C-alpha atoms as a PDB file:
ATOM      1  CA  MET A   1       0.000   0.000   0.000  1.00  0.00           C
ATOM      2  CA  ASP A   2       1.322   3.433  -0.825  1.00  0.00           C
ATOM      3  CA  PRO A   3       2.317   5.667   2.119  1.00  0.00           C
ATOM      4  CA  LYS A   4      -0.528   8.152   1.560  1.00  0.00           C
ATOM      5  CA  SER A   5      -3.180   5.421   1.662  1.00  0.00           C
ATOM      6  CA  LYS A   6      -1.549   3.813   4.688  1.00  0.00           C
ATOM      7  CA  GLU A   7      -1.637   7.145   6.520  1.00  0.00           C
ATOM      8  CA  LEU A   8      -5.311   7.621   5.640  1.00  0.00           C
ATOM      9  CA  LEU A   9      -6.123   4.078   6.765  1.00  0.00           C
ATOM     10  CA  ASN A  10      -4.433   4.707  10.107  1.00  0.00           C
ATOM     11  CA  LYS A  11      -6.409   7.953  10.579  1.00  0.00           C
ATOM     12  CA  ILE A  12      -9.660   6.120   9.843  1.00  0.00           C
ATOM     13  CA  LEU A  13      -8.792   3.325  12.276  1.00  0.00           C
ATOM     14  CA  GLU A  14      -8.143   5.895  15.021  1.00  0.00           C
ATOM     15  CA  LYS A  15     -11.729   7.173  14.751  1.00  0.00           C
ATOM     16  CA  GLU A  16     -14.643   5.769  16.697  1.00  0.00           C
ATOM     17  CA  ILE A  17     -16.750   3.457  14.538  1.00  0.00           C
ATOM     18  CA  ILE A  18     -19.778   5.673  14.976  1.00  0.00           C
ATOM     19  CA  ALA A  19     -17.801   8.667  13.666  1.00  0.00           C
ATOM     20  CA  LEU A  20     -16.969   7.044  10.316  1.00  0.00           C
ATOM     21  CA  ASN A  21     -18.577   8.607   7.276  1.00  0.00           C
ATOM     22  CA  SER A  22     -19.539   6.813   4.055  1.00  0.00           C
ATOM     23  CA  GLU A  23     -16.177   7.612   2.406  1.00  0.00           C
ATOM     24  CA  ASP A  24     -14.293   6.129   5.361  1.00  0.00           C
ATOM     25  CA  ILE A  25     -16.411   2.992   5.223  1.00  0.00           C
ATOM     26  CA  GLU A  26     -15.860   2.573   1.479  1.00  0.00           C
ATOM     27  CA  PHE A  27     -12.117   3.058   2.007  1.00  0.00           C
ATOM     28  CA  LEU A  28     -12.107   0.338   4.687  1.00  0.00           C
ATOM     29  CA  ARG A  29     -14.110  -2.035   2.481  1.00  0.00           C
ATOM     30  CA  ALA A  30     -11.723  -1.525  -0.414  1.00  0.00           C
ATOM     31  CA  ARG A  31      -8.696  -2.173   1.804  1.00  0.00           C
ATOM     32  CA  ARG A  32     -10.050  -4.880   4.088  1.00  0.00           C
ATOM     33  CA  SER A  33      -7.217  -7.180   3.032  1.00  0.00           C
ATOM     34  CA  TYR A  34      -4.795  -4.877   4.890  1.00  0.00           C
ATOM     35  CA  LEU A  35      -6.666  -5.154   8.188  1.00  0.00           C
ATOM     36  CA  LYS A  36      -5.631  -7.476  11.014  1.00  0.00           C
ATOM     37  CA  LYS A  37      -8.005 -10.208  12.188  1.00  0.00           C
ATOM     38  CA  SER A  38      -8.914  -8.197  15.279  1.00  0.00           C
ATOM     39  CA  GLN A  39      -9.694  -5.153  13.128  1.00  0.00           C
ATOM     40  CA  LEU A  40     -11.779  -7.254  10.737  1.00  0.00           C
ATOM     41  CA  THR A  41     -13.782  -8.479  13.711  1.00  0.00           C
ATOM     42  CA  GLU A  42     -14.174  -4.973  15.135  1.00  0.00           C
ATOM     43  CA  TYR A  43     -15.278  -3.435  11.819  1.00  0.00           C
ATOM     44  CA  ASP A  44     -17.225  -6.449  10.535  1.00  0.00           C
ATOM     45  CA  ALA A  45     -20.648  -4.798  10.863  1.00  0.00           C
ATOM     46  CA  ILE A  46     -19.690  -1.924   8.577  1.00  0.00           C
ATOM     47  CA  ILE A  47     -17.409  -3.816   6.198  1.00  0.00           C
ATOM     48  CA  ASN A  48     -19.913  -6.636   5.637  1.00  0.00           C
ATOM     49  CA  PRO A  49     -23.341  -5.111   6.246  1.00  0.00           C
ATOM     50  CA  LYS A  50     -26.189  -7.591   6.426  1.00  0.00           C
ATOM     51  CA  GLU A  51     -29.202  -7.183   4.214  1.00  0.00           C
ATOM     52  CA  PRO A  52     -32.365  -6.552   6.194  1.00  0.00           C
ATOM     53  CA  GLU A  53     -34.513  -9.647   6.237  1.00  0.00           C
ATOM     54  CA  LYS A  54     -37.702  -9.353   4.248  1.00  0.00           C
ATOM     55  CA  GLU A  55     -40.782 -10.103   6.243  1.00  0.00           C
ATOM     56  CA  GLU A  56     -42.554 -13.128   4.853  1.00  0.00           C
ATOM     57  CA  PRO A  57     -46.349 -13.155   4.804  1.00  0.00           C
ATOM     58  CA  PRO A  58     -47.796 -15.638   7.285  1.00  0.00           C
ATOM     59  CA  LEU A  59     -48.542 -19.124   6.032  1.00  0.00           C
ATOM     60  CA  TYR A  60     -51.803 -19.201   7.957  1.00  0.00           C
ATOM     61  CA  VAL A  61     -54.448 -16.788   9.142  1.00  0.00           C
ATOM     62  CA  ALA A  62     -55.178 -16.710  12.827  1.00  0.00           C
ATOM     63  CA  LYS A  63     -58.792 -17.271  13.876  1.00  0.00           C
ATOM     64  CA  LYS A  64     -59.037 -13.768  15.271  1.00  0.00           C
ATOM     65  CA  ASP A  65     -58.213 -12.421  11.796  1.00  0.00           C
ATOM     66  CA  GLN A  66     -60.934 -14.411  10.074  1.00  0.00           C
ATOM     67  CA  THR A  67     -64.334 -12.844   9.642  1.00  0.00           C
ATOM     68  CA  SER A  68     -67.407 -14.959   9.478  1.00  0.00           C
ATOM     69  CA  GLN A  69     -69.429 -14.559   6.306  1.00  0.00           C
ATOM     70  CA  VAL A  70     -71.992 -17.160   7.358  1.00  0.00           C
ATOM     71  CA  GLU A  71     -75.291 -15.870   8.707  1.00  0.00           C
ATOM     72  CA  PRO A  72     -76.615 -17.559  11.827  1.00  0.00           C
ATOM     73  CA  VAL A  73     -79.315 -20.170  11.307  1.00  0.00           C
ATOM     74  CA  LYS A  74     -82.764 -18.934  12.359  1.00  0.00           C
ATOM     75  CA  GLU A  75     -84.901 -21.381  14.242  1.00  0.00           C
ATOM     76  CA  ASP A  76     -88.148 -22.185  12.439  1.00  0.00           C
ATOM     77  CA  ALA A  77     -91.471 -21.892  14.233  1.00  0.00           C
ATOM     78  CA  LYS A  78     -92.221 -24.902  16.387  1.00  0.00           C
ATOM     79  CA  GLU A  79     -93.917 -27.647  14.508  1.00  0.00           C
ATOM     80  CA  SER A  80     -97.295 -28.632  15.930  1.00  0.00           C
END
């Protein structure tokens, strides 16, 4: 790595993770091969962001969510 890039990498690594901007993060991602194992572990969440899981629709409908479309049966007049 050239001296200028190494200096910039060191400055980025001195910052708190929360203080990193998008350019810093992209720089770290591009140069992840230069990081030590401990640094890879520390910066894993920003170097390898996880895709948010898509919420799957339920496979069933709970009884409370079902509406009854059936009308109640009316009792006929008593037979004599």
